[in-house]
Amino acid sequence: MISNQILQNTIDGLKGITRIDMCVADTDGKTLASTFEQFDIAERDIMAFVSSPADSQEIGGYQFFKIHDDDGQLEFTLIANGGSDDAYMVGKMAAFQLSGLLIAYKERFDKDNFIKNLLLDNLLLVDIFNRAKKLHIATEAKRVVIIAETYTENNTSALEIVRNVFSTKSRDFVTAVDEKDVIIVKELSDDDEIGDIESAATDIIGAFGIDDKTRVRVAYGTVITEIKDVSRSYKEAKMALDVGKIFFSERDVIAYSQLGIGRIIYQLPLPLCKMFIKEIFQGKSPDQFDEETLATIDKFFENSLNVSETSRQLYIHRNTLVYRLDKLQKVTGLDLRIFEDAITFKIAMMVARYMKYMEEYDF
């Protein structure tokens, strides 16, 4: 729960102030952190103190103190050098400091476990509210789940980077449930809007530095008002991350609410997609279209099916564009100048892109 390094840093700091050596041992008498140059207390002596009913005791010129968590469970033994009243007072203060540190880390650990189980929908409704109350987490508040997909080799470092972004926000939770995604359950104020969520997402990307920017993608779900709905916002953010890779690969940040028809296509079974593509393209593959045709189609859609504006932006004559559209109509039977046919073709291209993605990653 508390790393040995944290314990070592704490007693190093205390020694720097008090000039009294200290040692922290576990309940088996093994030393976890120490400022002593030579420590000659045997494990059996520490174990004897652990087994005794006393919370503090002087043994052989050393002050012994027991450190408990908030449930009264014995976690550590603190040993301060010296048999004087000053050594006792310093040891007592150090034990109090470590006890508070232990409780704080335990609460953080418990909250982290609670949030993970909440995200993964592993809790009963009654357990959600009971545990939230015990951990002093508001059950009714505006929240949104943000996922940062990182491609760093060490997810622990990515987790710490994101935690630093939200370090001043005590009501935000940053955790991870797998090796590549960092998850933020962000609490929003009544005045926060979508722009504030986008700003937080941009801050996450910026925290990884300019060189690493392409290695981070951020997605977020819809805003929820009850803690029981956190898992829903998480699932939405996960879908936004996946759908964004297929249909919005140029974006670093994508919201569930921005997925549009891509969200529907993503949930279609592949056999149905294949049947649809076969009917639309008459057995041909969209991959068979040359780059010039695809560029023409994209620009035509970008300009809302406006022939004049599309030909102007492509630097081609209007008749050349009409010829290309006629040629495409002969192949597919769809005239992109007709709105209904254009919609059908657009959906077909999105379905084809979805199929290609699923086949590449062998889903």
Protein backbone atom coordinates (compact mmCIF):
# COMPACT_ATOMS: atom_id res chain seq x y z
CA MET A 1 0.00 0.00 0.00
CA ILE A 2 2.70 2.50 1.09
CA SER A 3 5.95 1.84 -0.73
CA ASN A 4 9.18 1.43 1.18
CA GLN A 5 10.48 4.47 -0.67
CA ILE A 6 7.70 6.64 0.77
CA LEU A 7 8.47 5.36 4.26
CA GLN A 8 12.19 6.02 3.73
CA ASN A 9 11.58 9.56 2.47
CA THR A 10 9.35 10.27 5.45
CA ILE A 11 11.76 9.17 8.15
CA ASP A 12 14.67 10.80 6.31
CA GLY A 13 12.77 14.06 6.53
CA LEU A 14 11.94 13.52 10.18
CA LYS A 15 15.57 12.79 11.00
CA GLY A 16 16.61 15.95 9.17
CA ILE A 17 14.40 17.93 11.54
CA THR A 18 14.91 16.04 14.82
CA ARG A 19 18.40 14.50 14.29
CA ILE A 20 17.09 11.26 15.77
CA ASP A 21 17.54 7.99 13.88
CA MET A 22 14.44 5.92 13.20
CA CYS A 23 13.51 2.60 11.70
CA VAL A 24 10.23 1.22 10.35
CA ALA A 25 9.65 -2.55 10.47
CA ASP A 26 6.75 -4.73 9.37
CA THR A 27 4.77 -7.04 11.68
CA ASP A 28 7.26 -9.85 10.99
CA GLY A 29 10.12 -7.76 12.32
CA LYS A 30 11.72 -7.12 8.91
CA THR A 31 13.18 -3.64 8.33
CA LEU A 32 11.38 -1.64 5.64
CA ALA A 33 13.11 1.74 6.02
CA SER A 34 15.88 3.01 8.30
CA THR A 35 18.12 6.00 8.94
CA PHE A 36 20.49 4.01 11.19
CA GLU A 37 24.00 3.43 9.90
CA GLN A 38 24.10 0.30 12.05
CA PHE A 39 20.92 -1.26 13.39
CA ASP A 40 21.47 -4.03 15.91
CA ILE A 41 17.95 -4.82 17.14
CA ALA A 42 17.02 -8.44 16.48
CA GLU A 43 13.80 -9.40 14.69
CA ARG A 44 12.75 -11.42 17.74
CA ASP A 45 12.80 -8.27 19.88
CA ILE A 46 10.55 -6.48 17.41
CA MET A 47 8.25 -9.50 17.27
CA ALA A 48 8.09 -9.59 21.07
CA PHE A 49 6.92 -5.96 21.08
CA VAL A 50 4.39 -6.68 18.33
CA SER A 51 2.94 -9.49 20.45
CA SER A 52 2.77 -7.36 23.58
CA PRO A 53 -0.36 -5.38 24.52
CA ALA A 54 1.62 -2.11 24.78
CA ASP A 55 1.33 0.58 22.08
CA SER A 56 4.70 2.05 23.01
CA GLN A 57 7.62 0.78 25.05
CA GLU A 58 11.29 1.49 25.79
CA ILE A 59 13.53 -1.49 25.15
CA GLY A 60 17.33 -1.37 25.49
CA GLY A 61 17.65 2.37 24.89
CA TYR A 62 15.18 2.46 21.98
CA GLN A 63 11.60 3.74 21.84
CA PHE A 64 9.14 1.32 20.19
CA PHE A 65 5.77 2.45 18.78
CA LYS A 66 2.96 0.60 17.04
CA ILE A 67 1.37 2.12 13.94
CA HIS A 68 -2.26 1.13 13.15
CA ASP A 69 -4.57 1.87 10.25
CA ASP A 70 -8.02 3.42 10.72
CA ASP A 71 -9.53 -0.02 11.37
CA GLY A 72 -7.11 -0.66 14.24
CA GLN A 73 -5.05 -3.15 12.24
CA LEU A 74 -1.35 -3.15 13.19
CA GLU A 75 0.73 -2.36 10.11
CA PHE A 76 4.19 -1.17 11.21
CA THR A 77 6.52 -0.77 14.15
CA LEU A 78 8.49 2.46 14.51
CA ILE A 79 11.74 2.42 16.48
CA ALA A 80 13.36 5.70 17.58
CA ASN A 81 16.92 5.86 18.86
CA GLY A 82 17.26 6.98 22.51
CA GLY A 83 15.69 6.36 25.89
CA SER A 84 15.09 10.02 26.81
CA ASP A 85 11.80 11.90 27.00
CA ASP A 86 12.82 13.85 23.90
CA ALA A 87 13.31 10.63 21.94
CA TYR A 88 9.91 9.44 23.15
CA MET A 89 8.22 12.67 22.07
CA VAL A 90 9.88 12.62 18.65
CA GLY A 91 9.02 8.94 18.18
CA LYS A 92 5.42 9.60 19.21
CA MET A 93 5.13 12.43 16.70
CA ALA A 94 6.74 10.31 13.98
CA ALA A 95 4.35 7.44 14.70
CA PHE A 96 1.40 9.84 14.48
CA GLN A 97 2.71 11.18 11.16
CA LEU A 98 3.14 7.69 9.70
CA SER A 99 -0.27 6.62 10.97
CA GLY A 100 -1.89 9.55 9.18
CA LEU A 101 0.09 8.75 6.05
CA LEU A 102 -1.01 5.11 6.24
CA ILE A 103 -4.67 6.04 6.59
CA ALA A 104 -4.46 8.49 3.68
CA TYR A 105 -2.84 5.90 1.40
CA LYS A 106 -5.31 3.24 2.48
CA GLU A 107 -8.22 5.54 1.69
CA ARG A 108 -6.69 6.32 -1.68
CA PHE A 109 -6.20 2.61 -2.32
CA ASP A 110 -9.79 1.84 -1.29
CA LYS A 111 -11.13 4.66 -3.47
CA ASP A 112 -9.07 3.44 -6.42
CA ASN A 113 -10.46 -0.10 -6.04
CA PHE A 114 -13.98 1.28 -5.71
CA ILE A 115 -13.63 3.37 -8.88
CA LYS A 116 -12.18 0.41 -10.82
CA ASN A 117 -15.07 -1.85 -9.80
CA LEU A 118 -17.51 0.95 -10.55
CA LEU A 119 -16.09 1.39 -14.06
CA LEU A 120 -16.20 -2.34 -14.76
CA ASP A 121 -19.78 -2.60 -13.45
CA ASN A 122 -18.74 -5.11 -10.77
CA LEU A 123 -20.85 -3.64 -7.95
CA LEU A 124 -24.47 -4.07 -6.92
CA LEU A 125 -26.49 -0.87 -6.75
CA VAL A 126 -26.76 -0.99 -2.96
CA ASP A 127 -22.99 -1.55 -2.64
CA ILE A 128 -22.26 1.47 -4.84
CA PHE A 129 -24.11 3.86 -2.56
CA ASN A 130 -22.91 2.25 0.69
CA ARG A 131 -19.24 2.25 -0.29
CA ALA A 132 -19.42 5.73 -1.77
CA LYS A 133 -20.82 7.02 1.51
CA LYS A 134 -18.11 5.27 3.53
CA LEU A 135 -15.38 6.69 1.27
CA HIS A 136 -16.92 10.19 1.36
CA ILE A 137 -17.59 10.25 -2.38
CA ALA A 138 -20.61 12.27 -3.50
CA THR A 139 -23.26 10.04 -5.10
CA GLU A 140 -24.91 12.90 -6.97
CA ALA A 141 -22.58 15.10 -8.99
CA LYS A 142 -21.93 15.93 -12.64
CA ARG A 143 -19.19 13.63 -13.90
CA VAL A 144 -17.75 12.41 -17.17
CA VAL A 145 -15.37 9.54 -17.91
CA ILE A 146 -12.35 10.39 -20.05
CA ILE A 147 -10.02 7.72 -21.46
CA ALA A 148 -6.48 8.47 -22.57
CA GLU A 149 -5.07 5.68 -24.73
CA THR A 150 -1.30 5.79 -24.48
CA TYR A 151 1.34 3.87 -26.36
CA THR A 152 4.09 4.22 -23.79
CA GLU A 153 5.93 1.07 -22.77
CA ASN A 154 5.35 1.83 -19.09
CA ASN A 155 1.72 2.47 -18.24
CA THR A 156 2.73 3.42 -14.69
CA SER A 157 4.56 6.47 -15.99
CA ALA A 158 1.56 7.40 -18.17
CA LEU A 159 -0.67 7.10 -15.11
CA GLU A 160 1.54 9.47 -13.13
CA ILE A 161 1.67 11.97 -16.01
CA VAL A 162 -2.12 12.13 -16.15
CA ARG A 163 -2.39 12.27 -12.35
CA ASN A 164 -0.17 15.35 -12.38
CA VAL A 165 -2.65 17.05 -14.73
CA PHE A 166 -5.48 16.51 -12.25
CA SER A 167 -3.42 16.74 -9.04
CA THR A 168 -5.20 19.89 -7.87
CA LYS A 169 -8.65 18.42 -8.44
CA SER A 170 -9.31 16.39 -5.30
CA ARG A 171 -12.67 15.12 -6.54
CA ASP A 172 -11.30 13.70 -9.79
CA PHE A 173 -10.16 10.07 -9.93
CA VAL A 174 -7.35 8.80 -12.17
CA THR A 175 -6.86 5.06 -12.50
CA ALA A 176 -6.19 2.24 -14.98
CA VAL A 177 -7.85 -1.11 -15.62
CA ASP A 178 -5.53 -2.35 -18.37
CA GLU A 179 -2.01 -1.80 -19.71
CA LYS A 180 -2.62 1.00 -22.20
CA ASP A 181 -5.58 3.12 -21.06
CA VAL A 182 -5.58 5.74 -18.32
CA ILE A 183 -9.08 6.53 -17.08
CA ILE A 184 -10.22 9.79 -15.52
CA VAL A 185 -13.54 10.13 -13.72
CA LYS A 186 -13.81 13.90 -13.79
CA GLU A 187 -16.24 15.82 -11.61
CA LEU A 188 -17.73 18.89 -13.26
CA SER A 189 -19.15 22.05 -11.77
CA ASP A 190 -22.60 23.27 -12.72
CA ASP A 191 -21.00 25.86 -15.00
CA ASP A 192 -18.74 23.42 -16.86
CA GLU A 193 -19.66 22.72 -20.47
CA ILE A 194 -18.39 20.52 -23.31
CA GLY A 195 -15.64 23.06 -23.97
CA ASP A 196 -14.26 22.47 -20.47
CA ILE A 197 -14.11 18.71 -21.10
CA GLU A 198 -12.37 19.32 -24.43
CA SER A 199 -9.90 21.59 -22.63
CA ALA A 200 -9.14 18.86 -20.07
CA ALA A 201 -8.60 16.36 -22.91
CA THR A 202 -6.21 18.77 -24.62
CA ASP A 203 -4.31 19.23 -21.35
CA ILE A 204 -3.82 15.46 -21.13
CA ILE A 205 -2.33 15.31 -24.64
CA GLY A 206 -0.14 18.32 -23.92
CA ALA A 207 1.20 16.70 -20.74
CA PHE A 208 2.91 13.99 -22.82
CA GLY A 209 4.90 16.57 -24.77
CA ILE A 210 4.97 17.58 -28.42
CA ASP A 211 7.12 14.63 -29.51
CA ASP A 212 4.75 12.13 -27.93
CA LYS A 213 1.52 13.76 -29.08
CA THR A 214 0.79 11.18 -31.74
CA ARG A 215 0.98 8.43 -29.13
CA VAL A 216 -2.00 9.68 -27.15
CA ARG A 217 -5.67 9.59 -28.11
CA VAL A 218 -8.39 10.85 -25.80
CA ALA A 219 -12.12 10.00 -25.79
CA TYR A 220 -14.94 10.80 -23.42
CA GLY A 221 -18.51 9.67 -22.76
CA THR A 222 -21.63 11.65 -21.93
CA VAL A 223 -22.05 13.65 -18.73
CA ILE A 224 -23.84 11.76 -15.96
CA THR A 225 -25.30 13.04 -12.68
CA GLU A 226 -25.38 9.88 -10.52
CA ILE A 227 -22.43 7.77 -9.48
CA LYS A 228 -24.19 4.57 -10.55
CA ASP A 229 -23.97 5.73 -14.18
CA VAL A 230 -20.17 6.06 -14.22
CA SER A 231 -19.86 2.65 -15.90
CA ARG A 232 -22.16 3.82 -18.71
CA SER A 233 -20.03 6.89 -19.39
CA TYR A 234 -16.95 4.63 -19.36
CA LYS A 235 -18.47 2.25 -21.93
CA GLU A 236 -19.37 5.22 -24.10
CA ALA A 237 -15.81 6.56 -23.89
CA LYS A 238 -14.45 3.11 -24.83
CA MET A 239 -16.72 2.99 -27.86
CA ALA A 240 -15.73 6.54 -28.83
CA LEU A 241 -12.08 5.49 -28.69
CA ASP A 242 -12.66 2.47 -30.94
CA VAL A 243 -15.03 4.16 -33.40
CA GLY A 244 -12.75 7.20 -33.53
CA LYS A 245 -9.87 5.05 -34.79
CA ILE A 246 -12.01 3.86 -37.69
CA PHE A 247 -13.88 6.96 -38.84
CA PHE A 248 -12.06 9.90 -37.21
CA SER A 249 -8.42 8.83 -37.29
CA GLU A 250 -7.27 12.41 -37.83
CA ARG A 251 -8.67 13.54 -34.44
CA ASP A 252 -6.75 13.41 -31.18
CA VAL A 253 -9.91 13.96 -29.13
CA ILE A 254 -13.29 12.35 -29.83
CA ALA A 255 -16.56 12.44 -27.90
CA TYR A 256 -19.23 9.75 -27.82
CA SER A 257 -21.79 12.37 -28.86
CA GLN A 258 -19.78 13.10 -32.03
CA LEU A 259 -19.76 9.56 -33.42
CA GLY A 260 -22.93 9.97 -35.49
CA ILE A 261 -23.75 7.08 -37.81
CA GLY A 262 -20.35 5.53 -37.11
CA ARG A 263 -21.69 4.42 -33.73
CA ILE A 264 -24.46 2.44 -35.46
CA ILE A 265 -22.16 0.90 -38.06
CA TYR A 266 -19.72 -0.18 -35.33
CA GLN A 267 -22.43 -2.36 -33.79
CA LEU A 268 -23.38 -4.14 -37.01
CA PRO A 269 -22.40 -7.82 -37.40
CA LEU A 270 -19.75 -8.41 -40.07
CA PRO A 271 -21.85 -10.88 -42.16
CA LEU A 272 -24.53 -8.21 -42.55
CA CYS A 273 -21.87 -5.66 -43.55
CA LYS A 274 -20.45 -7.98 -46.19
CA MET A 275 -23.91 -8.58 -47.63
CA PHE A 276 -24.58 -4.84 -47.79
CA ILE A 277 -21.25 -4.06 -49.49
CA LYS A 278 -21.80 -6.83 -52.03
CA GLU A 279 -25.20 -5.38 -52.95
CA ILE A 280 -24.03 -1.77 -53.19
CA PHE A 281 -20.78 -2.31 -55.07
CA GLN A 282 -22.06 -5.29 -57.08
CA GLY A 283 -19.34 -7.64 -55.94
CA LYS A 284 -16.51 -5.15 -56.26
CA SER A 285 -14.38 -3.90 -53.40
CA PRO A 286 -14.19 -0.18 -52.52
CA ASP A 287 -10.40 -0.67 -52.42
CA GLN A 288 -10.51 -0.99 -56.21
CA PHE A 289 -11.31 2.72 -56.61
CA ASP A 290 -8.20 4.68 -57.57
CA GLU A 291 -6.91 7.55 -55.43
CA GLU A 292 -8.18 10.17 -57.87
CA THR A 293 -11.73 8.83 -57.62
CA LEU A 294 -11.60 8.63 -53.83
CA ALA A 295 -10.22 12.19 -53.58
CA THR A 296 -13.01 13.39 -55.86
CA ILE A 297 -15.66 11.65 -53.77
CA ASP A 298 -14.30 13.05 -50.49
CA LYS A 299 -14.16 16.60 -51.84
CA PHE A 300 -17.66 16.26 -53.33
CA PHE A 301 -19.09 15.25 -49.95
CA GLU A 302 -17.03 17.93 -48.21
CA ASN A 303 -18.73 20.55 -50.40
CA SER A 304 -22.26 19.22 -49.79
CA LEU A 305 -22.62 17.72 -53.31
CA ASN A 306 -21.93 21.09 -54.97
CA VAL A 307 -20.46 20.38 -58.42
CA SER A 308 -19.20 23.90 -59.12
CA GLU A 309 -17.42 24.36 -55.77
CA THR A 310 -15.91 20.87 -55.89
CA SER A 311 -14.49 21.35 -59.40
CA ARG A 312 -13.07 24.72 -58.35
CA GLN A 313 -11.29 23.27 -55.31
CA LEU A 314 -9.98 20.31 -57.32
CA TYR A 315 -8.73 22.69 -60.06
CA ILE A 316 -10.56 20.74 -62.74
CA HIS A 317 -13.21 21.69 -65.29
CA ARG A 318 -16.83 21.14 -64.29
CA ASN A 319 -17.28 18.70 -67.16
CA THR A 320 -14.32 16.66 -65.93
CA LEU A 321 -16.00 16.27 -62.53
CA VAL A 322 -19.30 15.34 -64.17
CA TYR A 323 -17.45 12.71 -66.24
CA ARG A 324 -15.94 11.19 -63.09
CA LEU A 325 -19.32 11.09 -61.36
CA ASP A 326 -20.92 9.48 -64.43
CA LYS A 327 -18.13 6.89 -64.51
CA LEU A 328 -18.72 6.09 -60.82
CA GLN A 329 -22.44 5.79 -61.49
CA LYS A 330 -21.82 3.17 -64.18
CA VAL A 331 -19.75 1.10 -61.73
CA THR A 332 -22.00 1.36 -58.68
CA GLY A 333 -25.40 2.34 -60.06
CA LEU A 334 -25.39 5.33 -57.67
CA ASP A 335 -25.54 8.94 -58.82
CA LEU A 336 -23.83 11.00 -56.12
CA ARG A 337 -25.59 14.14 -57.35
CA ILE A 338 -28.84 12.64 -55.99
CA PHE A 339 -29.05 13.02 -52.23
CA GLU A 340 -30.46 9.54 -51.52
CA ASP A 341 -27.78 7.85 -53.62
CA ALA A 342 -25.09 9.99 -52.01
CA ILE A 343 -26.22 8.94 -48.52
CA THR A 344 -26.24 5.27 -49.56
CA PHE A 345 -22.73 5.56 -50.99
CA LYS A 346 -21.41 7.42 -47.93
CA ILE A 347 -22.74 4.75 -45.58
CA ALA A 348 -21.35 2.00 -47.82
CA MET A 349 -17.88 3.56 -47.72
CA MET A 350 -18.05 3.81 -43.91
CA VAL A 351 -19.15 0.18 -43.68
CA ALA A 352 -16.25 -0.83 -45.92
CA ARG A 353 -13.82 1.08 -43.72
CA TYR A 354 -15.25 -0.60 -40.63
CA MET A 355 -14.89 -4.05 -42.20
CA LYS A 356 -11.31 -3.35 -43.21
CA TYR A 357 -10.44 -2.24 -39.67
CA MET A 358 -12.05 -5.30 -38.11
CA GLU A 359 -10.28 -7.66 -40.51
CA GLU A 360 -6.88 -5.99 -40.00
CA TYR A 361 -7.09 -6.36 -36.24
CA ASP A 362 -8.72 -9.80 -36.49
CA PHE A 363 -11.72 -9.00 -34.26
